[in-house]
All heavy atoms as atom14 arrays in JSON, in Angstrom:
{
  "sequence": "LHDAIAKGHDRAVNILLSHPNINMTLVKKKDFHPLMFAALKE",
  "atom14_mask": [
    [1, 1, 1, 1, 1, 1, 1, 1, 0, 0, 0, 0, 0, 0],
    [1, 1, 1, 1, 1, 1, 1, 1, 1, 1, 0, 0, 0, 0],
    [1, 1, 1, 1, 1, 1, 1, 1, 0, 0, 0, 0, 0, 0],
    [1, 1, 1, 1, 1, 0, 0, 0, 0, 0, 0, 0, 0, 0],
    [1, 1, 1, 1, 1, 1, 1, 1, 0, 0, 0, 0, 0, 0],
    [1, 1, 1, 1, 1, 0, 0, 0, 0, 0, 0, 0, 0, 0],
    [1, 1, 1, 1, 1, 1, 1, 1, 1, 0, 0, 0, 0, 0],
    [1, 1, 1, 1, 0, 0, 0, 0, 0, 0, 0, 0, 0, 0],
    [1, 1, 1, 1, 1, 1, 1, 1, 1, 1, 0, 0, 0, 0],
    [1, 1, 1, 1, 1, 1, 1, 1, 0, 0, 0, 0, 0, 0],
    [1, 1, 1, 1, 1, 1, 1, 1, 1, 1, 1, 0, 0, 0],
    [1, 1, 1, 1, 1, 0, 0, 0, 0, 0, 0, 0, 0, 0],
    [1, 1, 1, 1, 1, 1, 1, 0, 0, 0, 0, 0, 0, 0],
    [1, 1, 1, 1, 1, 1, 1, 1, 0, 0, 0, 0, 0, 0],
    [1, 1, 1, 1, 1, 1, 1, 1, 0, 0, 0, 0, 0, 0],
    [1, 1, 1, 1, 1, 1, 1, 1, 0, 0, 0, 0, 0, 0],
    [1, 1, 1, 1, 1, 1, 1, 1, 0, 0, 0, 0, 0, 0],
    [1, 1, 1, 1, 1, 1, 0, 0, 0, 0, 0, 0, 0, 0],
    [1, 1, 1, 1, 1, 1, 1, 1, 1, 1, 0, 0, 0, 0],
    [1, 1, 1, 1, 1, 1, 1, 0, 0, 0, 0, 0, 0, 0],
    [1, 1, 1, 1, 1, 1, 1, 1, 0, 0, 0, 0, 0, 0],
    [1, 1, 1, 1, 1, 1, 1, 1, 0, 0, 0, 0, 0, 0],
    [1, 1, 1, 1, 1, 1, 1, 1, 0, 0, 0, 0, 0, 0],
    [1, 1, 1, 1, 1, 1, 1, 1, 0, 0, 0, 0, 0, 0],
    [1, 1, 1, 1, 1, 1, 1, 0, 0, 0, 0, 0, 0, 0],
    [1, 1, 1, 1, 1, 1, 1, 1, 0, 0, 0, 0, 0, 0],
    [1, 1, 1, 1, 1, 1, 1, 0, 0, 0, 0, 0, 0, 0],
    [1, 1, 1, 1, 1, 1, 1, 1, 1, 0, 0, 0, 0, 0],
    [1, 1, 1, 1, 1, 1, 1, 1, 1, 0, 0, 0, 0, 0],
    [1, 1, 1, 1, 1, 1, 1, 1, 1, 0, 0, 0, 0, 0],
    [1, 1, 1, 1, 1, 1, 1, 1, 0, 0, 0, 0, 0, 0],
    [1, 1, 1, 1, 1, 1, 1, 1, 1, 1, 1, 0, 0, 0],
    [1, 1, 1, 1, 1, 1, 1, 1, 1, 1, 0, 0, 0, 0],
    [1, 1, 1, 1, 1, 1, 1, 0, 0, 0, 0, 0, 0, 0],
    [1, 1, 1, 1, 1, 1, 1, 1, 0, 0, 0, 0, 0, 0],
    [1, 1, 1, 1, 1, 1, 1, 1, 0, 0, 0, 0, 0, 0],
    [1, 1, 1, 1, 1, 1, 1, 1, 1, 1, 1, 0, 0, 0],
    [1, 1, 1, 1, 1, 0, 0, 0, 0, 0, 0, 0, 0, 0],
    [1, 1, 1, 1, 1, 0, 0, 0, 0, 0, 0, 0, 0, 0],
    [1, 1, 1, 1, 1, 1, 1, 1, 0, 0, 0, 0, 0, 0],
    [1, 1, 1, 1, 1, 1, 1, 1, 1, 0, 0, 0, 0, 0],
    [1, 1, 1, 1, 1, 1, 1, 1, 1, 0, 0, 0, 0, 0]
  ],
  "atom14_positions": [
    [[75.3, -96.18, 90.34], [75.23, -97.56, 90.71], [74.76, -98.48, 89.47], [75.3, -99.51, 89.33], [74.28, -97.72, 91.9], [73.97, -99.09, 92.4], [75.4, -99.68, 92.85], [73.15, -99.05, 93.67], [0.0, 0.0, 0.0], [0.0, 0.0, 0.0], [0.0, 0.0, 0.0], [0.0, 0.0, 0.0], [0.0, 0.0, 0.0], [0.0, 0.0, 0.0]],
    [[73.76, -97.98, 88.73], [73.35, -98.67, 87.52], [74.52, -98.88, 86.64], [74.69, -99.91, 86.03], [72.25, -97.85, 86.75], [70.87, -97.99, 87.43], [70.41, -96.95, 88.16], [70.0, -98.93, 87.49], [69.23, -97.26, 88.64], [68.93, -98.41, 88.22], [0.0, 0.0, 0.0], [0.0, 0.0, 0.0], [0.0, 0.0, 0.0], [0.0, 0.0, 0.0]],
    [[75.32, -97.77, 86.35], [76.49, -97.9, 85.48], [77.47, -98.83, 86.0], [78.04, -99.75, 85.19], [77.1, -96.49, 85.28], [76.23, -95.52, 84.5], [75.32, -95.99, 83.8], [76.47, -94.34, 84.57], [0.0, 0.0, 0.0], [0.0, 0.0, 0.0], [0.0, 0.0, 0.0], [0.0, 0.0, 0.0], [0.0, 0.0, 0.0], [0.0, 0.0, 0.0]],
    [[77.75, -98.91, 87.25], [78.79, -99.75, 87.8], [78.34, -101.17, 87.72], [79.13, -102.1, 87.31], [79.02, -99.47, 89.31], [0.0, 0.0, 0.0], [0.0, 0.0, 0.0], [0.0, 0.0, 0.0], [0.0, 0.0, 0.0], [0.0, 0.0, 0.0], [0.0, 0.0, 0.0], [0.0, 0.0, 0.0], [0.0, 0.0, 0.0], [0.0, 0.0, 0.0]],
    [[77.04, -101.51, 87.89], [76.47, -102.83, 87.7], [76.59, -103.22, 86.27], [76.98, -104.37, 85.92], [75.0, -102.79, 88.14], [74.88, -102.72, 89.62], [74.22, -104.05, 87.64], [73.49, -102.41, 90.22], [0.0, 0.0, 0.0], [0.0, 0.0, 0.0], [0.0, 0.0, 0.0], [0.0, 0.0, 0.0], [0.0, 0.0, 0.0], [0.0, 0.0, 0.0]],
    [[76.23, -102.34, 85.3], [76.21, -102.72, 83.9], [77.73, -103.01, 83.46], [77.88, -103.95, 82.6], [75.68, -101.54, 83.07], [0.0, 0.0, 0.0], [0.0, 0.0, 0.0], [0.0, 0.0, 0.0], [0.0, 0.0, 0.0], [0.0, 0.0, 0.0], [0.0, 0.0, 0.0], [0.0, 0.0, 0.0], [0.0, 0.0, 0.0], [0.0, 0.0, 0.0]],
    [[78.65, -102.33, 83.96], [80.03, -102.52, 83.49], [80.73, -103.6, 84.31], [81.99, -104.02, 83.94], [80.79, -101.23, 83.61], [80.21, -100.1, 82.76], [81.17, -99.51, 81.84], [80.74, -98.28, 81.1], [79.45, -98.35, 80.3], [0.0, 0.0, 0.0], [0.0, 0.0, 0.0], [0.0, 0.0, 0.0], [0.0, 0.0, 0.0], [0.0, 0.0, 0.0]],
    [[80.15, -104.13, 85.34], [80.73, -105.19, 86.16], [81.85, -104.63, 87.09], [82.8, -105.38, 87.32], [0.0, 0.0, 0.0], [0.0, 0.0, 0.0], [0.0, 0.0, 0.0], [0.0, 0.0, 0.0], [0.0, 0.0, 0.0], [0.0, 0.0, 0.0], [0.0, 0.0, 0.0], [0.0, 0.0, 0.0], [0.0, 0.0, 0.0], [0.0, 0.0, 0.0]],
    [[81.79, -103.47, 87.41], [82.91, -102.79, 88.36], [82.47, -103.05, 89.82], [81.81, -102.16, 90.43], [82.99, -101.28, 88.05], [83.56, -101.02, 86.7], [84.75, -101.42, 86.28], [83.11, -100.18, 85.75], [85.0, -101.0, 85.16], [84.0, -100.17, 84.64], [0.0, 0.0, 0.0], [0.0, 0.0, 0.0], [0.0, 0.0, 0.0], [0.0, 0.0, 0.0]],
    [[82.86, -104.18, 90.25], [82.56, -104.59, 91.59], [83.05, -103.63, 92.74], [82.31, -103.37, 93.64], [83.1, -105.94, 91.9], [82.51, -107.1, 90.97], [81.48, -106.82, 90.3], [83.06, -108.17, 90.93], [0.0, 0.0, 0.0], [0.0, 0.0, 0.0], [0.0, 0.0, 0.0], [0.0, 0.0, 0.0], [0.0, 0.0, 0.0], [0.0, 0.0, 0.0]],
    [[84.24, -103.14, 92.5], [84.82, -102.16, 93.46], [83.95, -100.88, 93.54], [83.67, -100.3, 94.64], [86.28, -101.83, 93.21], [87.13, -102.93, 93.58], [88.58, -102.6, 93.44], [89.01, -101.47, 94.21], [90.18, -100.87, 94.07], [90.97, -101.21, 93.09], [90.48, -99.83, 94.89], [0.0, 0.0, 0.0], [0.0, 0.0, 0.0], [0.0, 0.0, 0.0]],
    [[83.55, -100.45, 92.41], [82.68, -99.27, 92.34], [81.31, -99.59, 93.03], [80.72, -98.71, 93.68], [82.36, -98.79, 90.84], [0.0, 0.0, 0.0], [0.0, 0.0, 0.0], [0.0, 0.0, 0.0], [0.0, 0.0, 0.0], [0.0, 0.0, 0.0], [0.0, 0.0, 0.0], [0.0, 0.0, 0.0], [0.0, 0.0, 0.0], [0.0, 0.0, 0.0]],
    [[80.7, -100.72, 92.72], [79.49, -101.08, 93.33], [79.72, -100.98, 94.91], [78.89, -100.45, 95.66], [79.04, -102.52, 93.0], [77.93, -103.03, 93.97], [78.58, -102.52, 91.53], [0.0, 0.0, 0.0], [0.0, 0.0, 0.0], [0.0, 0.0, 0.0], [0.0, 0.0, 0.0], [0.0, 0.0, 0.0], [0.0, 0.0, 0.0], [0.0, 0.0, 0.0]],
    [[80.81, -101.57, 95.48], [81.14, -101.54, 96.84], [81.19, -100.09, 97.41], [80.61, -99.83, 98.52], [82.36, -102.29, 97.16], [82.09, -103.69, 97.68], [81.06, -104.05, 98.15], [83.2, -104.54, 97.59], [0.0, 0.0, 0.0], [0.0, 0.0, 0.0], [0.0, 0.0, 0.0], [0.0, 0.0, 0.0], [0.0, 0.0, 0.0], [0.0, 0.0, 0.0]],
    [[81.9, -99.25, 96.69], [82.06, -97.85, 97.15], [80.75, -97.18, 97.15], [80.42, -96.49, 98.13], [83.08, -97.2, 96.09], [84.52, -97.67, 96.26], [83.03, -95.71, 96.34], [85.43, -97.33, 95.12], [0.0, 0.0, 0.0], [0.0, 0.0, 0.0], [0.0, 0.0, 0.0], [0.0, 0.0, 0.0], [0.0, 0.0, 0.0], [0.0, 0.0, 0.0]],
    [[79.98, -97.34, 96.09], [78.6, -96.73, 96.06], [77.77, -97.14, 97.11], [77.03, -96.42, 97.87], [78.03, -96.8, 94.62], [78.74, -96.02, 93.58], [78.37, -96.58, 92.17], [78.48, -94.53, 93.7], [0.0, 0.0, 0.0], [0.0, 0.0, 0.0], [0.0, 0.0, 0.0], [0.0, 0.0, 0.0], [0.0, 0.0, 0.0], [0.0, 0.0, 0.0]],
    [[77.67, -98.56, 97.38], [76.82, -98.94, 98.39], [77.24, -98.58, 99.78], [76.41, -98.72, 100.74], [76.66, -100.58, 98.3], [75.87, -101.05, 97.02], [75.93, -102.54, 96.9], [74.48, -100.49, 97.06], [0.0, 0.0, 0.0], [0.0, 0.0, 0.0], [0.0, 0.0, 0.0], [0.0, 0.0, 0.0], [0.0, 0.0, 0.0], [0.0, 0.0, 0.0]],
    [[78.49, -98.35, 100.0], [78.9, -97.92, 101.37], [78.61, -96.37, 101.56], [78.76, -95.95, 102.76], [80.37, -98.09, 101.46], [81.17, -97.27, 100.65], [0.0, 0.0, 0.0], [0.0, 0.0, 0.0], [0.0, 0.0, 0.0], [0.0, 0.0, 0.0], [0.0, 0.0, 0.0], [0.0, 0.0, 0.0], [0.0, 0.0, 0.0], [0.0, 0.0, 0.0]],
    [[78.11, -95.72, 100.55], [77.83, -94.18, 100.75], [76.6, -94.09, 101.67], [75.49, -94.84, 101.31], [77.66, -93.54, 99.48], [77.63, -92.13, 99.48], [76.48, -91.28, 99.88], [78.57, -91.17, 99.33], [76.79, -90.09, 99.89], [78.02, -89.95, 99.58], [0.0, 0.0, 0.0], [0.0, 0.0, 0.0], [0.0, 0.0, 0.0], [0.0, 0.0, 0.0]],
    [[76.52, -93.26, 102.64], [75.32, -93.22, 103.47], [74.08, -92.72, 102.83], [73.01, -92.98, 103.28], [75.86, -92.27, 104.64], [76.93, -91.49, 104.06], [77.56, -92.37, 103.03], [0.0, 0.0, 0.0], [0.0, 0.0, 0.0], [0.0, 0.0, 0.0], [0.0, 0.0, 0.0], [0.0, 0.0, 0.0], [0.0, 0.0, 0.0], [0.0, 0.0, 0.0]],
    [[74.23, -91.98, 101.73], [73.05, -91.45, 101.12], [72.61, -92.22, 99.77], [71.76, -91.78, 99.07], [73.25, -89.99, 100.76], [73.4, -89.1, 101.92], [72.83, -89.5, 103.03], [74.26, -88.16, 101.79], [0.0, 0.0, 0.0], [0.0, 0.0, 0.0], [0.0, 0.0, 0.0], [0.0, 0.0, 0.0], [0.0, 0.0, 0.0], [0.0, 0.0, 0.0]],
    [[73.18, -93.38, 99.56], [72.8, -94.19, 98.37], [71.31, -94.58, 98.37], [70.81, -95.02, 99.42], [73.72, -95.43, 98.23], [73.55, -95.97, 96.73], [73.53, -96.38, 99.2], [74.15, -95.12, 95.65], [0.0, 0.0, 0.0], [0.0, 0.0, 0.0], [0.0, 0.0, 0.0], [0.0, 0.0, 0.0], [0.0, 0.0, 0.0], [0.0, 0.0, 0.0]],
    [[70.64, -94.37, 97.25], [69.23, -94.71, 97.21], [69.21, -95.91, 96.23], [69.44, -95.83, 95.1], [68.47, -93.63, 96.6], [67.08, -93.9, 96.5], [66.56, -95.01, 96.59], [66.2, -92.88, 96.46], [0.0, 0.0, 0.0], [0.0, 0.0, 0.0], [0.0, 0.0, 0.0], [0.0, 0.0, 0.0], [0.0, 0.0, 0.0], [0.0, 0.0, 0.0]],
    [[68.85, -97.08, 96.81], [68.97, -98.27, 95.95], [67.56, -98.58, 95.44], [67.35, -99.61, 94.74], [69.3, -99.52, 96.9], [70.72, -99.37, 97.41], [71.11, -100.78, 98.56], [69.98, -100.42, 99.79], [0.0, 0.0, 0.0], [0.0, 0.0, 0.0], [0.0, 0.0, 0.0], [0.0, 0.0, 0.0], [0.0, 0.0, 0.0], [0.0, 0.0, 0.0]],
    [[66.67, -97.61, 95.49], [65.32, -97.9, 94.86], [65.06, -97.0, 93.67], [64.03, -97.04, 93.07], [64.22, -97.52, 95.89], [64.25, -96.24, 96.31], [64.33, -98.47, 97.1], [0.0, 0.0, 0.0], [0.0, 0.0, 0.0], [0.0, 0.0, 0.0], [0.0, 0.0, 0.0], [0.0, 0.0, 0.0], [0.0, 0.0, 0.0], [0.0, 0.0, 0.0]],
    [[65.99, -96.2, 93.28], [65.76, -95.34, 92.01], [65.68, -96.15, 90.9], [66.49, -97.21, 90.62], [66.96, -94.41, 91.92], [67.1, -93.24, 92.95], [68.39, -92.43, 92.76], [65.87, -92.38, 92.89], [0.0, 0.0, 0.0], [0.0, 0.0, 0.0], [0.0, 0.0, 0.0], [0.0, 0.0, 0.0], [0.0, 0.0, 0.0], [0.0, 0.0, 0.0]],
    [[64.73, -95.95, 90.01], [64.54, -96.78, 88.76], [64.97, -96.04, 87.54], [64.87, -94.78, 87.49], [63.07, -97.24, 88.66], [62.73, -98.08, 89.75], [62.08, -96.06, 88.56], [0.0, 0.0, 0.0], [0.0, 0.0, 0.0], [0.0, 0.0, 0.0], [0.0, 0.0, 0.0], [0.0, 0.0, 0.0], [0.0, 0.0, 0.0], [0.0, 0.0, 0.0]],
    [[65.41, -96.84, 86.6], [65.7, -96.28, 85.24], [64.41, -96.01, 84.46], [63.36, -96.43, 84.94], [66.46, -97.26, 84.48], [67.81, -97.76, 85.07], [68.37, -99.03, 84.5], [68.47, -99.06, 82.95], [69.62, -98.62, 82.37], [0.0, 0.0, 0.0], [0.0, 0.0, 0.0], [0.0, 0.0, 0.0], [0.0, 0.0, 0.0], [0.0, 0.0, 0.0]],
    [[64.48, -95.38, 83.34], [63.28, -95.21, 82.55], [62.55, -96.42, 82.25], [61.41, -96.45, 82.13], [63.7, -94.42, 81.31], [63.74, -92.93, 81.4], [63.81, -92.3, 79.97], [63.85, -90.82, 80.17], [63.97, -90.13, 78.87], [0.0, 0.0, 0.0], [0.0, 0.0, 0.0], [0.0, 0.0, 0.0], [0.0, 0.0, 0.0], [0.0, 0.0, 0.0]],
    [[63.28, -97.55, 82.11], [62.64, -98.83, 81.74], [62.19, -99.51, 83.06], [61.84, -100.73, 83.06], [63.59, -99.7, 80.98], [63.86, -99.13, 79.61], [64.71, -100.05, 78.78], [64.98, -99.41, 77.42], [65.74, -100.24, 76.51], [0.0, 0.0, 0.0], [0.0, 0.0, 0.0], [0.0, 0.0, 0.0], [0.0, 0.0, 0.0], [0.0, 0.0, 0.0]],
    [[62.12, -98.75, 84.14], [61.43, -99.25, 85.42], [62.35, -100.39, 86.12], [61.85, -101.12, 86.86], [60.06, -99.91, 85.08], [59.12, -99.73, 86.27], [59.34, -99.05, 87.24], [58.16, -100.5, 86.19], [0.0, 0.0, 0.0], [0.0, 0.0, 0.0], [0.0, 0.0, 0.0], [0.0, 0.0, 0.0], [0.0, 0.0, 0.0], [0.0, 0.0, 0.0]],
    [[63.7, -100.21, 85.98], [64.56, -101.17, 86.68], [65.24, -100.53, 87.8], [65.91, -99.6, 87.6], [65.62, -101.75, 85.74], [65.23, -102.61, 84.65], [65.14, -102.2, 83.25], [64.91, -103.86, 84.9], [64.74, -103.02, 82.28], [64.46, -104.69, 83.78], [64.46, -104.25, 82.6], [0.0, 0.0, 0.0], [0.0, 0.0, 0.0], [0.0, 0.0, 0.0]],
    [[65.06, -101.09, 89.05], [65.85, -100.6, 90.14], [67.1, -101.38, 90.08], [67.19, -102.28, 89.35], [65.1, -100.68, 91.54], [64.61, -102.02, 91.81], [65.5, -103.14, 92.37], [63.44, -102.66, 91.76], [64.89, -104.15, 92.58], [63.62, -103.97, 92.23], [0.0, 0.0, 0.0], [0.0, 0.0, 0.0], [0.0, 0.0, 0.0], [0.0, 0.0, 0.0]],
    [[68.18, -100.98, 90.93], [69.46, -101.54, 90.8], [69.57, -103.18, 90.99], [70.28, -103.81, 90.27], [70.23, -100.89, 91.88], [69.78, -99.53, 91.96], [68.24, -99.73, 91.73], [0.0, 0.0, 0.0], [0.0, 0.0, 0.0], [0.0, 0.0, 0.0], [0.0, 0.0, 0.0], [0.0, 0.0, 0.0], [0.0, 0.0, 0.0], [0.0, 0.0, 0.0]],
    [[68.71, -103.67, 91.84], [68.71, -105.15, 92.09], [68.18, -105.84, 90.86], [68.69, -106.76, 90.36], [67.92, -105.49, 93.37], [67.9, -107.06, 93.59], [69.32, -107.6, 93.76], [67.04, -107.45, 94.77], [0.0, 0.0, 0.0], [0.0, 0.0, 0.0], [0.0, 0.0, 0.0], [0.0, 0.0, 0.0], [0.0, 0.0, 0.0], [0.0, 0.0, 0.0]],
    [[67.06, -105.23, 90.28], [66.46, -105.93, 89.08], [67.38, -105.69, 87.94], [67.64, -106.66, 87.16], [65.2, -105.16, 88.74], [64.38, -105.8, 87.74], [62.68, -105.06, 87.62], [61.93, -105.79, 89.14], [0.0, 0.0, 0.0], [0.0, 0.0, 0.0], [0.0, 0.0, 0.0], [0.0, 0.0, 0.0], [0.0, 0.0, 0.0], [0.0, 0.0, 0.0]],
    [[68.18, -104.59, 87.84], [69.13, -104.37, 86.77], [70.27, -105.45, 86.89], [70.75, -105.87, 85.92], [69.56, -103.03, 86.78], [70.31, -102.58, 85.63], [69.84, -102.69, 84.35], [71.68, -102.13, 85.67], [70.59, -102.22, 83.15], [72.37, -101.69, 84.6], [71.83, -101.81, 83.32], [0.0, 0.0, 0.0], [0.0, 0.0, 0.0], [0.0, 0.0, 0.0]],
    [[70.77, -105.63, 88.14], [71.82, -106.5, 88.39], [71.44, -107.99, 88.0], [72.17, -108.62, 87.45], [72.28, -106.43, 89.89], [0.0, 0.0, 0.0], [0.0, 0.0, 0.0], [0.0, 0.0, 0.0], [0.0, 0.0, 0.0], [0.0, 0.0, 0.0], [0.0, 0.0, 0.0], [0.0, 0.0, 0.0], [0.0, 0.0, 0.0], [0.0, 0.0, 0.0]],
    [[70.09, -108.3, 88.29], [69.69, -109.66, 87.93], [69.59, -109.81, 86.37], [70.06, -110.82, 85.81], [68.36, -109.93, 88.59], [0.0, 0.0, 0.0], [0.0, 0.0, 0.0], [0.0, 0.0, 0.0], [0.0, 0.0, 0.0], [0.0, 0.0, 0.0], [0.0, 0.0, 0.0], [0.0, 0.0, 0.0], [0.0, 0.0, 0.0], [0.0, 0.0, 0.0]],
    [[69.13, -108.73, 85.77], [68.99, -108.72, 84.28], [70.41, -108.88, 83.73], [70.67, -109.55, 82.6], [68.35, -107.43, 83.83], [68.15, -107.33, 82.25], [67.13, -108.26, 81.79], [67.75, -105.96, 81.96], [0.0, 0.0, 0.0], [0.0, 0.0, 0.0], [0.0, 0.0, 0.0], [0.0, 0.0, 0.0], [0.0, 0.0, 0.0], [0.0, 0.0, 0.0]],
    [[71.39, -108.19, 84.2], [72.7, -108.15, 83.67], [73.56, -109.28, 84.1], [74.74, -109.31, 83.72], [73.46, -106.81, 84.03], [72.93, -105.56, 83.4], [73.23, -105.66, 81.86], [72.75, -104.44, 81.18], [73.03, -104.49, 79.78], [0.0, 0.0, 0.0], [0.0, 0.0, 0.0], [0.0, 0.0, 0.0], [0.0, 0.0, 0.0], [0.0, 0.0, 0.0]],
    [[72.94, -110.18, 84.98], [73.72, -111.35, 85.45], [74.93, -110.96, 86.26], [75.94, -111.65, 86.28], [74.15, -112.35, 84.3], [74.15, -113.82, 84.92], [74.38, -114.84, 83.74], [74.55, -114.4, 82.52], [74.37, -115.95, 84.02], [0.0, 0.0, 0.0], [0.0, 0.0, 0.0], [0.0, 0.0, 0.0], [0.0, 0.0, 0.0], [0.0, 0.0, 0.0]]
  ]
}
């Protein structure tokens, strides 16, 4: 999900977010969860 956000792959974001086991709270080493990372990457 972080990678799809970074690369701007909207379809991949949709596919990953539709997965029943997706964890949207996992953070990168720099302490960014996916929403924060998406905001940072605009």
